[in-house]
Amino acid sequence: MQRRIFLQSLLGLMITLPLQAFAKLIGMAWNKNAFVATKILDAIQRLNIINEVVSTDINLVAPDRAENGAIVQVEVTSHIANTEIITLLVEHNPTPLIAEFMFSNGALPFIVTRIKMAETSTVKVVVKANGRYFTTSKNVEVLSNGCG
């Protein structure tokens, strides 16, 4: 009986150690300073986004009026070649940086997600492609508070 317990413990250890190492690698890629920023300009600065150019090659689909700020669907498609990163920000949220999506070579730069919005605000998308930054934005009116 003790041998069975020993083997189960050993198997559990063999499974959890690689998972912990993988979790550390994932955590290293996370830019905590940008995600805890309380102002949109601070988040943009901490992400090292510079010289954004407004682009019509980014499609941002979001409602004009959101009934509930807790679930606002946002859809982004980038038609810019070699898109590497799509970043979502909401100007008046307590933490403006919502998400950052990274794409490998050849991946279709398209996302659909639901976000929380504290109040009526501008949803901003920043796309990184070929070392340059492109942006588009849309104002979304929130009728019911989602972050409070």
N, C-alpha and C. Protein backbone atom coordinates (compact mmCIF):
# COMPACT_ATOMS: atom_id res chain seq x y z
N MET A 1 0.82 -1.20 0.00
CA MET A 1 0.00 0.00 0.00
C MET A 1 0.86 1.26 0.00
N GLN A 2 1.95 1.23 0.76
CA GLN A 2 2.82 2.41 0.81
C GLN A 2 3.50 2.67 -0.54
N ARG A 3 3.77 1.58 -1.26
CA ARG A 3 4.40 1.75 -2.57
C ARG A 3 3.44 2.48 -3.52
N ARG A 4 2.16 2.17 -3.47
CA ARG A 4 1.17 2.82 -4.32
C ARG A 4 1.09 4.31 -4.00
N ILE A 5 1.06 4.67 -2.73
CA ILE A 5 1.03 6.08 -2.32
C ILE A 5 2.29 6.79 -2.79
N PHE A 6 3.44 6.12 -2.65
CA PHE A 6 4.70 6.70 -3.09
C PHE A 6 4.68 6.96 -4.60
N LEU A 7 4.22 5.97 -5.38
CA LEU A 7 4.18 6.13 -6.84
C LEU A 7 3.19 7.21 -7.26
N GLN A 8 2.05 7.32 -6.57
CA GLN A 8 1.09 8.37 -6.88
C GLN A 8 1.68 9.75 -6.59
N SER A 9 2.38 9.85 -5.48
CA SER A 9 3.01 11.13 -5.12
C SER A 9 4.09 11.50 -6.13
N LEU A 10 4.88 10.50 -6.53
CA LEU A 10 5.94 10.74 -7.50
C LEU A 10 5.35 11.18 -8.85
N LEU A 11 4.29 10.52 -9.27
CA LEU A 11 3.63 10.90 -10.52
C LEU A 11 3.08 12.32 -10.44
N GLY A 12 2.46 12.66 -9.34
CA GLY A 12 1.95 14.02 -9.15
C GLY A 12 3.05 15.06 -9.22
N LEU A 13 4.19 14.75 -8.61
CA LEU A 13 5.34 15.66 -8.63
C LEU A 13 5.88 15.81 -10.05
N MET A 14 5.94 14.69 -10.79
CA MET A 14 6.45 14.73 -12.16
C MET A 14 5.54 15.56 -13.07
N ILE A 15 4.27 15.62 -12.75
CA ILE A 15 3.33 16.41 -13.56
C ILE A 15 3.38 17.88 -13.18
N THR A 16 3.43 18.19 -11.89
CA THR A 16 3.34 19.59 -11.46
C THR A 16 4.60 20.40 -11.70
N LEU A 17 5.77 19.80 -11.60
CA LEU A 17 7.00 20.58 -11.79
C LEU A 17 7.10 21.20 -13.19
N PRO A 18 6.89 20.43 -14.27
CA PRO A 18 6.92 21.08 -15.59
C PRO A 18 5.83 22.14 -15.77
N LEU A 19 4.66 21.91 -15.18
CA LEU A 19 3.59 22.89 -15.29
C LEU A 19 3.96 24.20 -14.58
N GLN A 20 4.63 24.09 -13.45
CA GLN A 20 5.06 25.30 -12.74
C GLN A 20 6.08 26.07 -13.56
N ALA A 21 7.01 25.37 -14.20
CA ALA A 21 8.01 26.04 -15.03
C ALA A 21 7.34 26.74 -16.21
N PHE A 22 6.35 26.07 -16.81
CA PHE A 22 5.61 26.67 -17.93
C PHE A 22 4.86 27.91 -17.47
N ALA A 23 4.25 27.85 -16.29
CA ALA A 23 3.51 29.00 -15.75
C ALA A 23 4.45 30.19 -15.53
N LYS A 24 5.68 29.92 -15.09
CA LYS A 24 6.65 31.01 -14.91
C LYS A 24 6.99 31.66 -16.24
N LEU A 25 7.16 30.84 -17.28
CA LEU A 25 7.46 31.40 -18.60
C LEU A 25 6.32 32.28 -19.10
N ILE A 26 5.10 31.83 -18.90
CA ILE A 26 3.94 32.63 -19.31
C ILE A 26 3.92 33.94 -18.52
N GLY A 27 4.19 33.87 -17.24
CA GLY A 27 4.18 35.06 -16.39
C GLY A 27 5.23 36.07 -16.79
N MET A 28 6.37 35.60 -17.29
CA MET A 28 7.42 36.53 -17.69
C MET A 28 7.00 37.37 -18.89
N ALA A 29 6.13 36.83 -19.73
CA ALA A 29 5.67 37.57 -20.91
C ALA A 29 4.60 38.60 -20.56
N TRP A 30 4.07 38.53 -19.36
CA TRP A 30 2.99 39.42 -18.94
C TRP A 30 3.57 40.75 -18.47
N ASN A 31 3.10 41.84 -19.02
CA ASN A 31 3.58 43.18 -18.66
C ASN A 31 2.69 43.72 -17.54
N LYS A 32 3.00 43.35 -16.31
CA LYS A 32 2.16 43.72 -15.16
C LYS A 32 2.02 45.24 -15.03
N ASN A 33 3.11 45.97 -15.22
CA ASN A 33 3.06 47.43 -15.07
C ASN A 33 2.05 48.08 -16.01
N ALA A 34 1.93 47.56 -17.22
CA ALA A 34 0.96 48.12 -18.17
C ALA A 34 -0.47 47.78 -17.75
N PHE A 35 -0.67 46.57 -17.24
CA PHE A 35 -2.02 46.15 -16.87
C PHE A 35 -2.53 46.82 -15.60
N VAL A 36 -1.64 47.30 -14.74
CA VAL A 36 -2.09 47.97 -13.51
C VAL A 36 -2.16 49.49 -13.66
N ALA A 37 -1.77 50.00 -14.81
CA ALA A 37 -1.84 51.45 -15.04
C ALA A 37 -3.29 51.92 -14.92
N THR A 38 -3.48 53.10 -14.35
CA THR A 38 -4.84 53.61 -14.13
C THR A 38 -5.24 54.67 -15.16
N LYS A 39 -4.32 55.07 -16.02
CA LYS A 39 -4.61 56.03 -17.08
C LYS A 39 -4.18 55.43 -18.41
N ILE A 40 -4.95 55.71 -19.44
CA ILE A 40 -4.67 55.11 -20.74
C ILE A 40 -3.30 55.51 -21.28
N LEU A 41 -2.90 56.76 -21.07
CA LEU A 41 -1.58 57.20 -21.56
C LEU A 41 -0.45 56.48 -20.84
N ASP A 42 -0.63 56.19 -19.54
CA ASP A 42 0.38 55.43 -18.80
C ASP A 42 0.49 54.01 -19.35
N ALA A 43 -0.65 53.39 -19.62
CA ALA A 43 -0.63 52.02 -20.17
C ALA A 43 0.07 52.00 -21.53
N ILE A 44 -0.25 52.96 -22.37
CA ILE A 44 0.37 53.04 -23.70
C ILE A 44 1.88 53.24 -23.58
N GLN A 45 2.28 54.11 -22.66
CA GLN A 45 3.71 54.36 -22.44
C GLN A 45 4.41 53.10 -21.93
N ARG A 46 3.79 52.39 -21.00
CA ARG A 46 4.39 51.18 -20.44
C ARG A 46 4.45 50.03 -21.44
N LEU A 47 3.62 50.10 -22.46
CA LEU A 47 3.68 49.10 -23.54
C LEU A 47 4.69 49.50 -24.62
N ASN A 48 5.32 50.66 -24.45
CA ASN A 48 6.30 51.19 -25.40
C ASN A 48 5.68 51.45 -26.78
N ILE A 49 4.43 51.87 -26.79
CA ILE A 49 3.76 52.21 -28.04
C ILE A 49 4.08 53.67 -28.36
N ILE A 50 4.69 53.88 -29.53
CA ILE A 50 5.07 55.24 -29.94
C ILE A 50 4.62 55.49 -31.38
N ASN A 51 4.37 56.74 -31.67
CA ASN A 51 4.05 57.19 -33.03
C ASN A 51 2.93 56.39 -33.68
N GLU A 52 1.80 56.29 -33.00
CA GLU A 52 0.65 55.58 -33.56
C GLU A 52 0.11 56.35 -34.76
N VAL A 53 -0.28 55.62 -35.78
CA VAL A 53 -0.87 56.22 -36.97
C VAL A 53 -2.30 55.70 -37.09
N VAL A 54 -3.25 56.61 -37.25
CA VAL A 54 -4.65 56.20 -37.44
C VAL A 54 -4.76 55.46 -38.76
N SER A 55 -5.41 54.28 -38.72
CA SER A 55 -5.48 53.44 -39.91
C SER A 55 -6.91 52.98 -40.19
N THR A 56 -7.27 53.00 -41.46
CA THR A 56 -8.57 52.46 -41.88
C THR A 56 -8.48 50.97 -42.18
N ASP A 57 -7.29 50.40 -42.05
CA ASP A 57 -7.09 48.97 -42.29
C ASP A 57 -7.38 48.12 -41.05
N ILE A 58 -7.88 48.76 -40.00
CA ILE A 58 -8.29 48.05 -38.79
C ILE A 58 -9.80 48.20 -38.67
N ASN A 59 -10.49 47.08 -38.61
CA ASN A 59 -11.95 47.12 -38.42
C ASN A 59 -12.26 46.85 -36.95
N LEU A 60 -12.92 47.79 -36.32
CA LEU A 60 -13.36 47.66 -34.93
C LEU A 60 -14.88 47.64 -34.93
N VAL A 61 -15.45 46.53 -34.50
CA VAL A 61 -16.90 46.41 -34.42
C VAL A 61 -17.28 46.34 -32.95
N ALA A 62 -18.02 47.33 -32.50
CA ALA A 62 -18.51 47.40 -31.12
C ALA A 62 -19.85 48.13 -31.17
N PRO A 63 -20.71 47.88 -30.20
CA PRO A 63 -22.01 48.55 -30.24
C PRO A 63 -21.89 50.05 -30.01
N ASP A 64 -22.79 50.81 -30.60
CA ASP A 64 -22.84 52.25 -30.32
C ASP A 64 -23.31 52.47 -28.89
N ARG A 65 -24.26 51.61 -28.47
CA ARG A 65 -24.82 51.69 -27.11
C ARG A 65 -24.81 50.29 -26.52
N ALA A 66 -24.18 50.14 -25.36
CA ALA A 66 -24.15 48.85 -24.67
C ALA A 66 -25.16 48.87 -23.54
N GLU A 67 -26.09 47.93 -23.55
CA GLU A 67 -27.11 47.85 -22.49
C GLU A 67 -26.47 47.58 -21.13
N ASN A 68 -25.43 46.74 -21.12
CA ASN A 68 -24.78 46.35 -19.88
C ASN A 68 -23.27 46.44 -20.06
N GLY A 69 -22.62 47.28 -19.30
CA GLY A 69 -21.17 47.46 -19.41
C GLY A 69 -20.38 46.24 -18.99
N ALA A 70 -21.01 45.28 -18.32
CA ALA A 70 -20.30 44.08 -17.88
C ALA A 70 -20.01 43.13 -19.03
N ILE A 71 -20.76 43.23 -20.12
CA ILE A 71 -20.53 42.35 -21.27
C ILE A 71 -20.71 43.14 -22.57
N VAL A 72 -19.63 43.69 -23.05
CA VAL A 72 -19.64 44.45 -24.30
C VAL A 72 -18.81 43.66 -25.31
N GLN A 73 -19.46 43.19 -26.37
CA GLN A 73 -18.74 42.40 -27.37
C GLN A 73 -17.96 43.33 -28.29
N VAL A 74 -16.70 42.97 -28.51
CA VAL A 74 -15.80 43.73 -29.37
C VAL A 74 -15.19 42.76 -30.38
N GLU A 75 -15.16 43.19 -31.63
CA GLU A 75 -14.57 42.38 -32.70
C GLU A 75 -13.54 43.24 -33.42
N VAL A 76 -12.35 42.70 -33.61
CA VAL A 76 -11.27 43.45 -34.27
C VAL A 76 -10.67 42.58 -35.37
N THR A 77 -10.52 43.18 -36.54
CA THR A 77 -9.83 42.53 -37.65
C THR A 77 -8.79 43.51 -38.17
N SER A 78 -7.56 43.02 -38.32
CA SER A 78 -6.49 43.85 -38.88
C SER A 78 -6.20 43.38 -40.29
N HIS A 79 -6.26 44.31 -41.23
CA HIS A 79 -5.92 44.01 -42.62
C HIS A 79 -4.50 44.51 -42.93
N ILE A 80 -3.73 44.77 -41.89
CA ILE A 80 -2.36 45.23 -42.05
C ILE A 80 -1.45 44.00 -42.10
N ALA A 81 -0.62 43.93 -43.13
CA ALA A 81 0.26 42.77 -43.30
C ALA A 81 1.21 42.63 -42.11
N ASN A 82 1.50 41.40 -41.76
CA ASN A 82 2.44 41.06 -40.68
C ASN A 82 2.01 41.61 -39.32
N THR A 83 0.72 41.59 -39.04
CA THR A 83 0.24 42.01 -37.73
C THR A 83 0.81 41.09 -36.66
N GLU A 84 1.45 41.68 -35.65
CA GLU A 84 2.07 40.91 -34.57
C GLU A 84 1.22 40.94 -33.30
N ILE A 85 0.67 42.12 -32.97
CA ILE A 85 -0.04 42.30 -31.71
C ILE A 85 -1.27 43.17 -31.94
N ILE A 86 -2.38 42.79 -31.29
CA ILE A 86 -3.57 43.64 -31.22
C ILE A 86 -3.80 43.93 -29.74
N THR A 87 -3.84 45.21 -29.40
CA THR A 87 -4.04 45.65 -28.01
C THR A 87 -5.38 46.36 -27.89
N LEU A 88 -6.14 46.00 -26.85
CA LEU A 88 -7.44 46.63 -26.58
C LEU A 88 -7.33 47.49 -25.33
N LEU A 89 -7.80 48.74 -25.43
CA LEU A 89 -7.81 49.65 -24.28
C LEU A 89 -9.17 50.33 -24.19
N VAL A 90 -9.59 50.64 -22.96
CA VAL A 90 -10.82 51.39 -22.73
C VAL A 90 -10.45 52.59 -21.86
N GLU A 91 -10.66 53.77 -22.40
CA GLU A 91 -10.14 55.00 -21.80
C GLU A 91 -10.56 55.23 -20.35
N HIS A 92 -11.83 55.10 -20.02
CA HIS A 92 -12.29 55.45 -18.67
C HIS A 92 -12.45 54.27 -17.73
N ASN A 93 -11.86 53.13 -18.06
CA ASN A 93 -11.90 51.99 -17.14
C ASN A 93 -10.91 52.21 -16.00
N PRO A 94 -11.14 51.58 -14.84
CA PRO A 94 -10.18 51.71 -13.73
C PRO A 94 -8.78 51.26 -14.14
N THR A 95 -8.69 50.20 -14.96
CA THR A 95 -7.43 49.79 -15.57
C THR A 95 -7.69 49.72 -17.08
N PRO A 96 -7.21 50.70 -17.83
CA PRO A 96 -7.56 50.84 -19.25
C PRO A 96 -7.10 49.70 -20.16
N LEU A 97 -5.97 49.06 -19.85
CA LEU A 97 -5.48 47.98 -20.71
C LEU A 97 -6.33 46.74 -20.47
N ILE A 98 -7.09 46.35 -21.46
CA ILE A 98 -8.01 45.22 -21.35
C ILE A 98 -7.31 43.92 -21.74
N ALA A 99 -6.66 43.90 -22.89
CA ALA A 99 -6.04 42.67 -23.37
C ALA A 99 -5.01 42.97 -24.43
N GLU A 100 -4.10 42.03 -24.58
CA GLU A 100 -3.10 42.12 -25.64
C GLU A 100 -3.02 40.73 -26.28
N PHE A 101 -3.28 40.67 -27.58
CA PHE A 101 -3.29 39.41 -28.30
C PHE A 101 -2.10 39.37 -29.24
N MET A 102 -1.30 38.29 -29.15
CA MET A 102 -0.11 38.15 -29.99
C MET A 102 -0.37 37.10 -31.06
N PHE A 103 0.08 37.38 -32.28
CA PHE A 103 -0.15 36.50 -33.41
C PHE A 103 1.17 36.03 -33.99
N SER A 104 1.24 34.73 -34.32
CA SER A 104 2.44 34.23 -34.98
C SER A 104 2.34 34.46 -36.47
N ASN A 105 3.43 34.23 -37.15
CA ASN A 105 3.47 34.46 -38.60
C ASN A 105 2.38 33.65 -39.29
N GLY A 106 1.63 34.31 -40.13
CA GLY A 106 0.59 33.64 -40.89
C GLY A 106 -0.75 33.52 -40.20
N ALA A 107 -0.83 33.87 -38.93
CA ALA A 107 -2.11 33.79 -38.21
C ALA A 107 -3.03 34.92 -38.66
N LEU A 108 -4.31 34.63 -38.73
CA LEU A 108 -5.29 35.64 -39.11
C LEU A 108 -5.50 36.59 -37.94
N PRO A 109 -5.18 37.87 -38.09
CA PRO A 109 -5.32 38.83 -36.98
C PRO A 109 -6.78 39.24 -36.78
N PHE A 110 -7.52 38.36 -36.14
CA PHE A 110 -8.95 38.56 -35.91
C PHE A 110 -9.28 38.09 -34.50
N ILE A 111 -9.99 38.94 -33.74
CA ILE A 111 -10.41 38.55 -32.39
C ILE A 111 -11.87 38.95 -32.17
N VAL A 112 -12.53 38.17 -31.36
CA VAL A 112 -13.86 38.51 -30.85
C VAL A 112 -13.80 38.22 -29.37
N THR A 113 -14.14 39.20 -28.56
CA THR A 113 -14.10 39.01 -27.11
C THR A 113 -15.17 39.89 -26.46
N ARG A 114 -15.41 39.62 -25.21
CA ARG A 114 -16.33 40.46 -24.43
C ARG A 114 -15.50 41.16 -23.38
N ILE A 115 -15.76 42.44 -23.21
CA ILE A 115 -15.00 43.24 -22.25
C ILE A 115 -15.96 43.91 -21.27
N LYS A 116 -15.39 44.39 -20.17
CA LYS A 116 -16.15 45.17 -19.20
C LYS A 116 -15.82 46.64 -19.40
N MET A 117 -16.85 47.46 -19.32
CA MET A 117 -16.65 48.90 -19.42
C MET A 117 -17.31 49.57 -18.22
N ALA A 118 -16.57 50.41 -17.53
CA ALA A 118 -17.08 51.07 -16.33
C ALA A 118 -18.12 52.13 -16.66
N GLU A 119 -17.93 52.80 -17.79
CA GLU A 119 -18.81 53.91 -18.17
C GLU A 119 -18.65 54.17 -19.66
N THR A 120 -19.44 55.10 -20.17
CA THR A 120 -19.32 55.50 -21.57
C THR A 120 -17.88 55.93 -21.82
N SER A 121 -17.29 55.40 -22.88
CA SER A 121 -15.87 55.63 -23.08
C SER A 121 -15.47 55.29 -24.51
N THR A 122 -14.22 55.59 -24.82
CA THR A 122 -13.64 55.25 -26.10
C THR A 122 -12.93 53.91 -25.99
N VAL A 123 -13.27 53.00 -26.91
CA VAL A 123 -12.54 51.74 -27.03
C VAL A 123 -11.47 51.98 -28.07
N LYS A 124 -10.23 51.72 -27.70
CA LYS A 124 -9.10 51.99 -28.59
C LYS A 124 -8.40 50.68 -28.92
N VAL A 125 -8.05 50.52 -30.18
CA VAL A 125 -7.30 49.35 -30.64
C VAL A 125 -5.97 49.84 -31.19
N VAL A 126 -4.90 49.19 -30.76
CA VAL A 126 -3.57 49.50 -31.29
C VAL A 126 -3.03 48.21 -31.90
N VAL A 127 -2.59 48.28 -33.14
CA VAL A 127 -2.03 47.14 -33.85
C VAL A 127 -0.55 47.39 -34.09
N LYS A 128 0.26 46.38 -33.75
CA LYS A 128 1.69 46.46 -34.06
C LYS A 128 1.96 45.56 -35.26
N ALA A 129 2.57 46.14 -36.30
CA ALA A 129 2.91 45.40 -37.50
C ALA A 129 4.19 45.97 -38.08
N ASN A 130 5.13 45.11 -38.38
CA ASN A 130 6.41 45.53 -38.96
C ASN A 130 7.11 46.58 -38.11
N GLY A 131 6.97 46.49 -36.79
CA GLY A 131 7.64 47.42 -35.89
C GLY A 131 6.98 48.78 -35.79
N ARG A 132 5.84 48.97 -36.44
CA ARG A 132 5.11 50.25 -36.40
C ARG A 132 3.78 50.03 -35.71
N TYR A 133 3.17 51.13 -35.24
CA TYR A 133 1.91 51.06 -34.52
C TYR A 133 0.81 51.79 -35.27
N PHE A 134 -0.34 51.14 -35.36
CA PHE A 134 -1.51 51.69 -36.03
C PHE A 134 -2.68 51.65 -35.06
N THR A 135 -3.62 52.56 -35.20
CA THR A 135 -4.71 52.63 -34.23
C THR A 135 -6.04 53.00 -34.87
N THR A 136 -7.08 52.63 -34.18
CA THR A 136 -8.43 53.07 -34.49
C THR A 136 -9.19 53.07 -33.17
N SER A 137 -10.33 53.76 -33.15
CA SER A 137 -11.10 53.81 -31.90
C SER A 137 -12.57 54.03 -32.20
N LYS A 138 -13.38 53.78 -31.17
CA LYS A 138 -14.82 53.98 -31.30
C LYS A 138 -15.38 54.30 -29.92
N ASN A 139 -16.30 55.27 -29.87
CA ASN A 139 -16.96 55.61 -28.61
C ASN A 139 -18.14 54.67 -28.40
N VAL A 140 -18.24 54.11 -27.19
CA VAL A 140 -19.33 53.22 -26.84
C VAL A 140 -20.06 53.81 -25.63
N GLU A 141 -21.35 54.02 -25.79
CA GLU A 141 -22.16 54.54 -24.70
C GLU A 141 -22.64 53.37 -23.85
N VAL A 142 -22.34 53.42 -22.55
CA VAL A 142 -22.73 52.36 -21.62
C VAL A 142 -23.95 52.82 -20.83
N LEU A 143 -25.01 52.02 -20.88
CA LEU A 143 -26.24 52.39 -20.20
C LEU A 143 -26.30 51.84 -18.77
N SER A 144 -25.60 50.75 -18.49
CA SER A 144 -25.58 50.16 -17.16
C SER A 144 -24.13 49.86 -16.79
N ASN A 145 -23.70 50.26 -15.60
CA ASN A 145 -22.31 50.13 -15.16
C ASN A 145 -21.87 48.68 -15.11
N GLY A 146 -20.67 48.40 -15.62
CA GLY A 146 -20.18 47.03 -15.63
C GLY A 146 -18.99 46.77 -14.74
N CYS A 147 -18.30 47.78 -14.27
CA CYS A 147 -17.10 47.57 -13.48
C CYS A 147 -17.28 47.97 -12.03
N GLY A 148 -18.47 48.18 -11.56
CA GLY A 148 -18.64 48.70 -10.22
C GLY A 148 -19.32 47.84 -9.29
